[in-house]
């Protein structure tokens, strides 16, 4: 699975510095997650920290095979 940021993202920058894998980047209109780098914070945090710090709850986990 990987974190996915919805289009409702307000680009608040809360998630970017929290990502230990530098998987979050600014896409065409909002932040996006590089699925090949996202590890759901395994080995760093108990849960995906981007989800924990998002003030508008626009980040969720999705199966990577669904995204392809």
PDB file of N, CA and C in Angstrom:
ATOM      1  N   UNK A   1       0.846  -1.181   0.000  1.00  0.00           N
ATOM      2  CA  UNK A   1       0.000   0.000   0.000  1.00  0.00           C
ATOM      3  C   UNK A   1       0.886   1.238   0.000  1.00  0.00           C
ATOM      4  N   UNK A   2       0.295   2.326  -0.369  1.00  0.00           N
ATOM      5  CA  UNK A   2       0.986   3.604  -0.394  1.00  0.00           C
ATOM      6  C   UNK A   2       0.025   4.710   0.006  1.00  0.00           C
ATOM      7  N   UNK A   3       0.562   5.793   0.468  1.00  0.00           N
ATOM      8  CA  UNK A   3      -0.269   6.948   0.792  1.00  0.00           C
ATOM      9  C   UNK A   3      -0.679   7.627  -0.509  1.00  0.00           C
ATOM     10  N   UNK A   4      -1.896   8.148  -0.521  1.00  0.00           N
ATOM     11  CA  UNK A   4      -2.425   8.879  -1.667  1.00  0.00           C
ATOM     12  C   UNK A   4      -2.968  10.197  -1.153  1.00  0.00           C
ATOM     13  N   UNK A   5      -2.661  11.273  -1.846  1.00  0.00           N
ATOM     14  CA  UNK A   5      -3.152  12.590  -1.462  1.00  0.00           C
ATOM     15  C   UNK A   5      -4.239  12.993  -2.449  1.00  0.00           C
ATOM     16  N   UNK A   6      -5.420  13.289  -1.930  1.00  0.00           N
ATOM     17  CA  UNK A   6      -6.558  13.664  -2.774  1.00  0.00           C
ATOM     18  C   UNK A   6      -6.405  15.072  -3.333  1.00  0.00           C
ATOM     19  N   UNK A   7      -7.188  15.382  -4.354  1.00  0.00           N
ATOM     20  CA  UNK A   7      -7.147  16.704  -4.967  1.00  0.00           C
ATOM     21  C   UNK A   7      -7.633  17.796  -4.021  1.00  0.00           C
ATOM     22  N   UNK A   8      -8.266  17.427  -2.930  1.00  0.00           N
ATOM     23  CA  UNK A   8      -8.719  18.421  -1.955  1.00  0.00           C
ATOM     24  C   UNK A   8      -7.565  18.980  -1.117  1.00  0.00           C
ATOM     25  N   UNK A   9      -6.349  18.494  -1.347  1.00  0.00           N
ATOM     26  CA  UNK A   9      -5.157  18.971  -0.651  1.00  0.00           C
ATOM     27  C   UNK A   9      -5.048  20.488  -0.793  1.00  0.00           C
ATOM     28  N   UNK A  10      -4.763  21.163   0.322  1.00  0.00           N
ATOM     29  CA  UNK A  10      -4.634  22.627   0.311  1.00  0.00           C
ATOM     30  C   UNK A  10      -3.173  23.071   0.281  1.00  0.00           C
ATOM     31  N   UNK A  11      -2.253  22.132   0.084  1.00  0.00           N
ATOM     32  CA  UNK A  11      -0.822  22.434  -0.014  1.00  0.00           C
ATOM     33  C   UNK A  11      -0.307  23.178   1.219  1.00  0.00           C
ATOM     34  N   UNK A  12      -0.686  22.688   2.374  1.00  0.00           N
ATOM     35  CA  UNK A  12      -0.310  23.357   3.630  1.00  0.00           C
ATOM     36  C   UNK A  12       1.129  23.067   4.043  1.00  0.00           C
ATOM     37  N   UNK A  13       1.768  22.091   3.415  1.00  0.00           N
ATOM     38  CA  UNK A  13       3.158  21.711   3.684  1.00  0.00           C
ATOM     39  C   UNK A  13       3.367  20.957   4.991  1.00  0.00           C
ATOM     40  N   UNK A  14       2.334  20.507   5.652  1.00  0.00           N
ATOM     41  CA  UNK A  14       2.495  19.780   6.908  1.00  0.00           C
ATOM     42  C   UNK A  14       3.126  18.403   6.686  1.00  0.00           C
ATOM     43  N   UNK A  15       2.775  17.738   5.614  1.00  0.00           N
ATOM     44  CA  UNK A  15       3.227  16.365   5.387  1.00  0.00           C
ATOM     45  C   UNK A  15       4.649  16.264   4.856  1.00  0.00           C
ATOM     46  N   UNK A  16       5.067  17.221   4.082  1.00  0.00           N
ATOM     47  CA  UNK A  16       6.358  17.129   3.389  1.00  0.00           C
ATOM     48  C   UNK A  16       7.535  16.912   4.342  1.00  0.00           C
ATOM     49  N   UNK A  17       7.725  17.736   5.366  1.00  0.00           N
ATOM     50  CA  UNK A  17       8.887  17.516   6.235  1.00  0.00           C
ATOM     51  C   UNK A  17       8.771  16.284   7.123  1.00  0.00           C
ATOM     52  N   UNK A  18       7.573  15.723   7.246  1.00  0.00           N
ATOM     53  CA  UNK A  18       7.358  14.546   8.085  1.00  0.00           C
ATOM     54  C   UNK A  18       7.687  13.239   7.387  1.00  0.00           C
ATOM     55  N   UNK A  19       7.776  13.243   6.072  1.00  0.00           N
ATOM     56  CA  UNK A  19       8.008  12.007   5.324  1.00  0.00           C
ATOM     57  C   UNK A  19       9.472  11.585   5.425  1.00  0.00           C
ATOM     58  N   UNK A  20       9.745  10.450   6.072  1.00  0.00           N
ATOM     59  CA  UNK A  20      11.133  10.014   6.237  1.00  0.00           C
ATOM     60  C   UNK A  20      11.769   9.498   4.945  1.00  0.00           C
ATOM     61  N   UNK A  21      10.954   9.261   3.926  1.00  0.00           N
ATOM     62  CA  UNK A  21      11.455   8.716   2.660  1.00  0.00           C
ATOM     63  C   UNK A  21      11.478   9.740   1.533  1.00  0.00           C
ATOM     64  N   UNK A  22      11.129  10.976   1.855  1.00  0.00           N
ATOM     65  CA  UNK A  22      11.051  12.037   0.849  1.00  0.00           C
ATOM     66  C   UNK A  22      10.202  11.608  -0.350  1.00  0.00           C
ATOM     67  N   UNK A  23       9.077  10.961  -0.049  1.00  0.00           N
ATOM     68  CA  UNK A  23       8.186  10.450  -1.096  1.00  0.00           C
ATOM     69  C   UNK A  23       7.147  11.472  -1.536  1.00  0.00           C
ATOM     70  N   UNK A  24       6.988  12.556  -0.795  1.00  0.00           N
ATOM     71  CA  UNK A  24       5.966  13.548  -1.111  1.00  0.00           C
ATOM     72  C   UNK A  24       6.591  14.681  -1.916  1.00  0.00           C
ATOM     73  N   UNK A  25       5.949  15.014  -3.012  1.00  0.00           N
ATOM     74  CA  UNK A  25       6.458  16.079  -3.880  1.00  0.00           C
ATOM     75  C   UNK A  25       5.293  16.905  -4.400  1.00  0.00           C
ATOM     76  N   UNK A  26       5.585  18.114  -4.878  1.00  0.00           N
ATOM     77  CA  UNK A  26       4.527  18.963  -5.415  1.00  0.00           C
ATOM     78  C   UNK A  26       4.271  18.571  -6.851  1.00  0.00           C
ATOM     79  N   UNK A  27       3.043  18.122  -7.113  1.00  0.00           N
ATOM     80  CA  UNK A  27       2.648  17.711  -8.451  1.00  0.00           C
ATOM     81  C   UNK A  27       2.171  18.895  -9.262  1.00  0.00           C
ATOM     82  N   UNK A  28       1.323  18.630 -10.212  1.00  0.00           N
ATOM     83  CA  UNK A  28       0.841  19.685 -11.095  1.00  0.00           C
ATOM     84  C   UNK A  28      -0.004  20.727 -10.359  1.00  0.00           C
ATOM     85  N   UNK A  29      -0.833  20.260  -9.400  1.00  0.00           N
ATOM     86  CA  UNK A  29      -1.699  21.192  -8.667  1.00  0.00           C
ATOM     87  C   UNK A  29      -1.650  21.040  -7.163  1.00  0.00           C
ATOM     88  N   UNK A  30      -1.215  19.886  -6.691  1.00  0.00           N
ATOM     89  CA  UNK A  30      -1.171  19.636  -5.252  1.00  0.00           C
ATOM     90  C   UNK A  30      -0.089  18.611  -4.964  1.00  0.00           C
ATOM     91  N   UNK A  31       0.142  18.384  -3.684  1.00  0.00           N
ATOM     92  CA  UNK A  31       1.153  17.400  -3.310  1.00  0.00           C
ATOM     93  C   UNK A  31       0.712  16.004  -3.721  1.00  0.00           C
ATOM     94  N   UNK A  32       1.696  15.183  -4.080  1.00  0.00           N
ATOM     95  CA  UNK A  32       1.460  13.806  -4.483  1.00  0.00           C
ATOM     96  C   UNK A  32       2.488  12.923  -3.798  1.00  0.00           C
ATOM     97  N   UNK A  33       2.263  11.614  -3.842  1.00  0.00           N
ATOM     98  CA  UNK A  33       3.171  10.657  -3.214  1.00  0.00           C
ATOM     99  C   UNK A  33       3.772   9.756  -4.282  1.00  0.00           C
ATOM    100  N   UNK A  34       5.085   9.620  -4.247  1.00  0.00           N
ATOM    101  CA  UNK A  34       5.791   8.697  -5.129  1.00  0.00           C
ATOM    102  C   UNK A  34       5.636   7.306  -4.514  1.00  0.00           C
ATOM    103  N   UNK A  35       4.793   6.483  -5.105  1.00  0.00           N
ATOM    104  CA  UNK A  35       4.485   5.158  -4.557  1.00  0.00           C
ATOM    105  C   UNK A  35       5.718   4.272  -4.430  1.00  0.00           C
ATOM    106  N   UNK A  36       6.701   4.483  -5.262  1.00  0.00           N
ATOM    107  CA  UNK A  36       7.907   3.654  -5.195  1.00  0.00           C
ATOM    108  C   UNK A  36       8.775   3.996  -3.982  1.00  0.00           C
ATOM    109  N   UNK A  37       8.531   5.137  -3.359  1.00  0.00           N
ATOM    110  CA  UNK A  37       9.315   5.550  -2.184  1.00  0.00           C
ATOM    111  C   UNK A  37       8.536   5.433  -0.880  1.00  0.00           C
ATOM    112  N   UNK A  38       7.221   5.372  -0.953  1.00  0.00           N
ATOM    113  CA  UNK A  38       6.389   5.326   0.253  1.00  0.00           C
ATOM    114  C   UNK A  38       6.463   3.944   0.908  1.00  0.00           C
ATOM    115  N   UNK A  39       6.791   3.933   2.190  1.00  0.00           N
ATOM    116  CA  UNK A  39       6.852   2.678   2.950  1.00  0.00           C
ATOM    117  C   UNK A  39       5.843   2.677   4.088  1.00  0.00           C
ATOM    118  N   UNK A  40       4.898   3.624   4.060  1.00  0.00           N
ATOM    119  CA  UNK A  40       3.920   3.805   5.134  1.00  0.00           C
ATOM    120  C   UNK A  40       4.632   4.088   6.455  1.00  0.00           C
ATOM    121  N   UNK A  41       5.817   4.652   6.372  1.00  0.00           N
ATOM    122  CA  UNK A  41       6.653   5.023   7.522  1.00  0.00           C
ATOM    123  C   UNK A  41       7.138   3.827   8.328  1.00  0.00           C
ATOM    124  N   UNK A  42       7.070   2.648   7.731  1.00  0.00           N
ATOM    125  CA  UNK A  42       7.527   1.446   8.422  1.00  0.00           C
ATOM    126  C   UNK A  42       8.997   1.598   8.813  1.00  0.00           C
ATOM    127  N   UNK A  43       9.288   1.309  10.048  1.00  0.00           N
ATOM    128  CA  UNK A  43      10.631   1.445  10.570  1.00  0.00           C
ATOM    129  C   UNK A  43      10.935   2.826  11.120  1.00  0.00           C
ATOM    130  N   UNK A  44      10.004   3.762  10.920  1.00  0.00           N
ATOM    131  CA  UNK A  44      10.188   5.122  11.415  1.00  0.00           C
ATOM    132  C   UNK A  44       9.117   5.497  12.450  1.00  0.00           C
ATOM    133  N   UNK A  45       7.853   5.255  12.106  1.00  0.00           N
ATOM    134  CA  UNK A  45       6.724   5.624  12.950  1.00  0.00           C
ATOM    135  C   UNK A  45       5.748   4.454  13.045  1.00  0.00           C
ATOM    136  N   UNK A  46       4.852   4.520  14.025  1.00  0.00           N
ATOM    137  CA  UNK A  46       3.849   3.469  14.197  1.00  0.00           C
ATOM    138  C   UNK A  46       2.760   3.510  13.136  1.00  0.00           C
ATOM    139  N   UNK A  47       2.555   4.664  12.545  1.00  0.00           N
ATOM    140  CA  UNK A  47       1.543   4.839  11.500  1.00  0.00           C
ATOM    141  C   UNK A  47       2.073   5.845  10.484  1.00  0.00           C
ATOM    142  N   UNK A  48       1.487   5.907   9.296  1.00  0.00           N
ATOM    143  CA  UNK A  48       1.937   6.887   8.306  1.00  0.00           C
ATOM    144  C   UNK A  48       1.786   8.301   8.870  1.00  0.00           C
ATOM    145  N   UNK A  49       2.891   8.974   9.049  1.00  0.00           N
ATOM    146  CA  UNK A  49       2.857  10.278   9.699  1.00  0.00           C
ATOM    147  C   UNK A  49       2.201  11.356   8.842  1.00  0.00           C
ATOM    148  N   UNK A  50       2.240  11.217   7.530  1.00  0.00           N
ATOM    149  CA  UNK A  50       1.582  12.214   6.681  1.00  0.00           C
ATOM    150  C   UNK A  50       0.084  12.238   6.968  1.00  0.00           C
ATOM    151  N   UNK A  51      -0.491  11.060   7.183  1.00  0.00           N
ATOM    152  CA  UNK A  51      -1.915  10.973   7.505  1.00  0.00           C
ATOM    153  C   UNK A  51      -2.181  11.597   8.867  1.00  0.00           C
ATOM    154  N   UNK A  52      -1.301  11.338   9.821  1.00  0.00           N
ATOM    155  CA  UNK A  52      -1.478  11.846  11.180  1.00  0.00           C
ATOM    156  C   UNK A  52      -1.417  13.367  11.256  1.00  0.00           C
ATOM    157  N   UNK A  53      -0.597  14.002  10.428  1.00  0.00           N
ATOM    158  CA  UNK A  53      -0.441  15.461  10.521  1.00  0.00           C
ATOM    159  C   UNK A  53      -1.336  16.242   9.562  1.00  0.00           C
ATOM    160  N   UNK A  54      -2.025  15.590   8.659  1.00  0.00           N
ATOM    161  CA  UNK A  54      -2.860  16.290   7.672  1.00  0.00           C
ATOM    162  C   UNK A  54      -4.058  16.955   8.359  1.00  0.00           C
ATOM    163  N   UNK A  55      -4.163  18.285   8.279  1.00  0.00           N
ATOM    164  CA  UNK A  55      -5.248  18.984   8.965  1.00  0.00           C
ATOM    165  C   UNK A  55      -6.620  18.820   8.312  1.00  0.00           C
ATOM    166  N   UNK A  56      -6.658  18.365   7.051  1.00  0.00           N
ATOM    167  CA  UNK A  56      -7.965  18.229   6.394  1.00  0.00           C
ATOM    168  C   UNK A  56      -8.283  16.784   6.012  1.00  0.00           C
ATOM    169  N   UNK A  57      -7.479  15.855   6.474  1.00  0.00           N
ATOM    170  CA  UNK A  57      -7.716  14.428   6.234  1.00  0.00           C
ATOM    171  C   UNK A  57      -7.884  14.082   4.755  1.00  0.00           C
ATOM    172  N   UNK A  58      -6.959  14.561   3.937  1.00  0.00           N
ATOM    173  CA  UNK A  58      -7.043  14.269   2.500  1.00  0.00           C
ATOM    174  C   UNK A  58      -6.040  13.215   2.063  1.00  0.00           C
ATOM    175  N   UNK A  59      -5.414  12.521   3.025  1.00  0.00           N
ATOM    176  CA  UNK A  59      -4.441  11.483   2.695  1.00  0.00           C
ATOM    177  C   UNK A  59      -4.960  10.148   3.216  1.00  0.00           C
ATOM    178  N   UNK A  60      -4.858   9.115   2.385  1.00  0.00           N
ATOM    179  CA  UNK A  60      -5.322   7.788   2.794  1.00  0.00           C
ATOM    180  C   UNK A  60      -4.373   6.752   2.192  1.00  0.00           C
ATOM    181  N   UNK A  61      -4.501   5.524   2.664  1.00  0.00           N
ATOM    182  CA  UNK A  61      -3.695   4.432   2.134  1.00  0.00           C
ATOM    183  C   UNK A  61      -4.476   3.691   1.053  1.00  0.00           C
ATOM    184  N   UNK A  62      -3.798   3.329  -0.010  1.00  0.00           N
ATOM    185  CA  UNK A  62      -4.419   2.585  -1.112  1.00  0.00           C
ATOM    186  C   UNK A  62      -3.465   1.502  -1.576  1.00  0.00           C
ATOM    187  N   UNK A  63      -4.015   0.436  -2.097  1.00  0.00           N
ATOM    188  CA  UNK A  63      -3.192  -0.634  -2.657  1.00  0.00           C
ATOM    189  C   UNK A  63      -2.481  -0.115  -3.894  1.00  0.00           C
ATOM    190  N   UNK A  64      -1.201  -0.409  -4.009  1.00  0.00           N
ATOM    191  CA  UNK A  64      -0.420   0.103  -5.138  1.00  0.00           C
ATOM    192  C   UNK A  64      -0.847  -0.494  -6.466  1.00  0.00           C
ATOM    193  N   UNK A  65      -1.329  -1.726  -6.487  1.00  0.00           N
ATOM    194  CA  UNK A  65      -1.744  -2.329  -7.758  1.00  0.00           C
ATOM    195  C   UNK A  65      -2.998  -1.665  -8.303  1.00  0.00           C
ATOM    196  N   UNK A  66      -3.786  -1.022  -7.451  1.00  0.00           N
ATOM    197  CA  UNK A  66      -4.977  -0.297  -7.892  1.00  0.00           C
ATOM    198  C   UNK A  66      -4.575   0.986  -8.572  1.00  0.00           C
ATOM    199  N   UNK A  67      -3.450   1.582  -8.176  1.00  0.00           N
ATOM    200  CA  UNK A  67      -2.995   2.847  -8.724  1.00  0.00           C
ATOM    201  C   UNK A  67      -2.353   2.707 -10.087  1.00  0.00           C
ATOM    202  N   UNK A  68      -1.869   1.530 -10.403  1.00  0.00           N
ATOM    203  CA  UNK A  68      -1.141   1.342 -11.667  1.00  0.00           C
ATOM    204  C   UNK A  68      -2.057   1.318 -12.859  1.00  0.00           C
TER     205      UNK A  68
END
